Amino acid sequence: MEESRATAFRDQQAFRKAFPTEDDPTRMNVASGAQARYDELWRTLRDRTKVAAAAQPLVYTLGAAAATG
């Protein structure tokens, strides 16, 4: 996401060292219930991105600055 490639590889290396029998965190996320929350957050983010994209022409029409936050 907003992580450098080098940081992502370091995180991956740390995960593999801590959990040598796991290929990725998916199984643990599902078992703990965290995956459902991640999926919900992703849907929310995707919806907000759609709303922002749809509102952008209106922002430019009104001459206002895009909201940040």
C-alpha atoms as a PDB file:
ATOM      1  CA  MET A   1       0.000   0.000   0.000  1.00  0.00           C
ATOM      2  CA  GLU A   2       2.104   2.942   1.146  1.00  0.00           C
ATOM      3  CA  GLU A   3       5.083   0.771   2.019  1.00  0.00           C
ATOM      4  CA  SER A   4       8.382   0.642   0.189  1.00  0.00           C
ATOM      5  CA  ARG A   5       9.284  -2.522  -1.674  1.00  0.00           C
ATOM      6  CA  ALA A   6      12.239  -3.090   0.651  1.00  0.00           C
ATOM      7  CA  THR A   7      10.001  -2.819   3.737  1.00  0.00           C
ATOM      8  CA  ALA A   8       7.520  -5.263   2.224  1.00  0.00           C
ATOM      9  CA  PHE A   9      10.302  -7.787   1.640  1.00  0.00           C
ATOM     10  CA  ARG A  10      11.609  -7.325   5.200  1.00  0.00           C
ATOM     11  CA  ASP A  11       8.101  -7.893   6.552  1.00  0.00           C
ATOM     12  CA  GLN A  12       7.732 -10.998   4.396  1.00  0.00           C
ATOM     13  CA  GLN A  13      11.080 -12.325   5.615  1.00  0.00           C
ATOM     14  CA  ALA A  14      10.082 -11.720   9.250  1.00  0.00           C
ATOM     15  CA  PHE A  15       6.767 -13.524   8.710  1.00  0.00           C
ATOM     16  CA  ARG A  16       8.496 -16.514   7.139  1.00  0.00           C
ATOM     17  CA  LYS A  17      10.982 -16.668  10.005  1.00  0.00           C
ATOM     18  CA  ALA A  18       8.225 -16.489  12.639  1.00  0.00           C
ATOM     19  CA  PHE A  19       5.905 -18.953  10.865  1.00  0.00           C
ATOM     20  CA  PRO A  20       8.066 -21.291   8.742  1.00  0.00           C
ATOM     21  CA  THR A  21       5.194 -23.693   7.978  1.00  0.00           C
ATOM     22  CA  GLU A  22       2.878 -20.963   6.620  1.00  0.00           C
ATOM     23  CA  ASP A  23       3.018 -19.695   3.040  1.00  0.00           C
ATOM     24  CA  ASP A  24       1.105 -16.525   3.899  1.00  0.00           C
ATOM     25  CA  PRO A  25      -1.110 -15.201   6.721  1.00  0.00           C
ATOM     26  CA  THR A  26      -4.426 -16.076   5.040  1.00  0.00           C
ATOM     27  CA  ARG A  27      -5.147 -19.260   7.005  1.00  0.00           C
ATOM     28  CA  MET A  28      -4.395 -17.546  10.324  1.00  0.00           C
ATOM     29  CA  ASN A  29      -6.487 -14.508   9.366  1.00  0.00           C
ATOM     30  CA  VAL A  30      -9.468 -16.696   8.502  1.00  0.00           C
ATOM     31  CA  ALA A  31      -9.113 -18.796  11.668  1.00  0.00           C
ATOM     32  CA  SER A  32      -8.928 -15.710  13.892  1.00  0.00           C
ATOM     33  CA  GLY A  33     -11.773 -13.895  12.161  1.00  0.00           C
ATOM     34  CA  ALA A  34      -9.473 -11.074  11.080  1.00  0.00           C
ATOM     35  CA  GLN A  35      -9.980 -11.831   7.388  1.00  0.00           C
ATOM     36  CA  ALA A  36     -13.674 -10.896   7.580  1.00  0.00           C
ATOM     37  CA  ARG A  37     -12.704  -7.511   9.053  1.00  0.00           C
ATOM     38  CA  TYR A  38     -10.036  -6.978   6.366  1.00  0.00           C
ATOM     39  CA  ASP A  39     -12.609  -7.795   3.678  1.00  0.00           C
ATOM     40  CA  GLU A  40     -15.073  -5.346   5.227  1.00  0.00           C
ATOM     41  CA  LEU A  41     -12.446  -2.599   5.356  1.00  0.00           C
ATOM     42  CA  TRP A  42     -11.504  -3.261   1.735  1.00  0.00           C
ATOM     43  CA  ARG A  43     -15.150  -2.958   0.618  1.00  0.00           C
ATOM     44  CA  THR A  44     -15.450   0.312   2.550  1.00  0.00           C
ATOM     45  CA  LEU A  45     -12.282   1.679   0.985  1.00  0.00           C
ATOM     46  CA  ARG A  46     -13.386   0.641  -2.487  1.00  0.00           C
ATOM     47  CA  ASP A  47     -16.802   2.282  -1.935  1.00  0.00           C
ATOM     48  CA  ARG A  48     -15.183   5.514  -0.734  1.00  0.00           C
ATOM     49  CA  THR A  49     -12.922   5.521  -3.782  1.00  0.00           C
ATOM     50  CA  LYS A  50     -15.972   5.203  -6.048  1.00  0.00           C
ATOM     51  CA  VAL A  51     -17.747   8.033  -4.229  1.00  0.00           C
ATOM     52  CA  ALA A  52     -14.684  10.277  -4.440  1.00  0.00           C
ATOM     53  CA  ALA A  53     -14.281   9.562  -8.158  1.00  0.00           C
ATOM     54  CA  ALA A  54     -17.948  10.346  -8.805  1.00  0.00           C
ATOM     55  CA  ALA A  55     -17.764  13.582  -6.810  1.00  0.00           C
ATOM     56  CA  GLN A  56     -14.572  14.857  -8.425  1.00  0.00           C
ATOM     57  CA  PRO A  57     -16.256  16.501 -11.459  1.00  0.00           C
ATOM     58  CA  LEU A  58     -18.596  18.374  -9.101  1.00  0.00           C
ATOM     59  CA  VAL A  59     -15.655  19.613  -7.049  1.00  0.00           C
ATOM     60  CA  TYR A  60     -13.997  21.042 -10.150  1.00  0.00           C
ATOM     61  CA  THR A  61     -17.268  22.554 -11.375  1.00  0.00           C
ATOM     62  CA  LEU A  62     -17.736  24.394  -8.110  1.00  0.00           C
ATOM     63  CA  GLY A  63     -14.099  25.465  -8.036  1.00  0.00           C
ATOM     64  CA  ALA A  64     -13.524  23.999  -4.618  1.00  0.00           C
ATOM     65  CA  ALA A  65     -10.457  22.189  -3.392  1.00  0.00           C
ATOM     66  CA  ALA A  66     -10.726  18.438  -3.012  1.00  0.00           C
ATOM     67  CA  ALA A  67     -11.296  17.328   0.566  1.00  0.00           C
ATOM     68  CA  THR A  68      -8.577  15.378   2.293  1.00  0.00           C
ATOM     69  CA  GLY A  69      -8.870  13.259   5.291  1.00  0.00           C
END
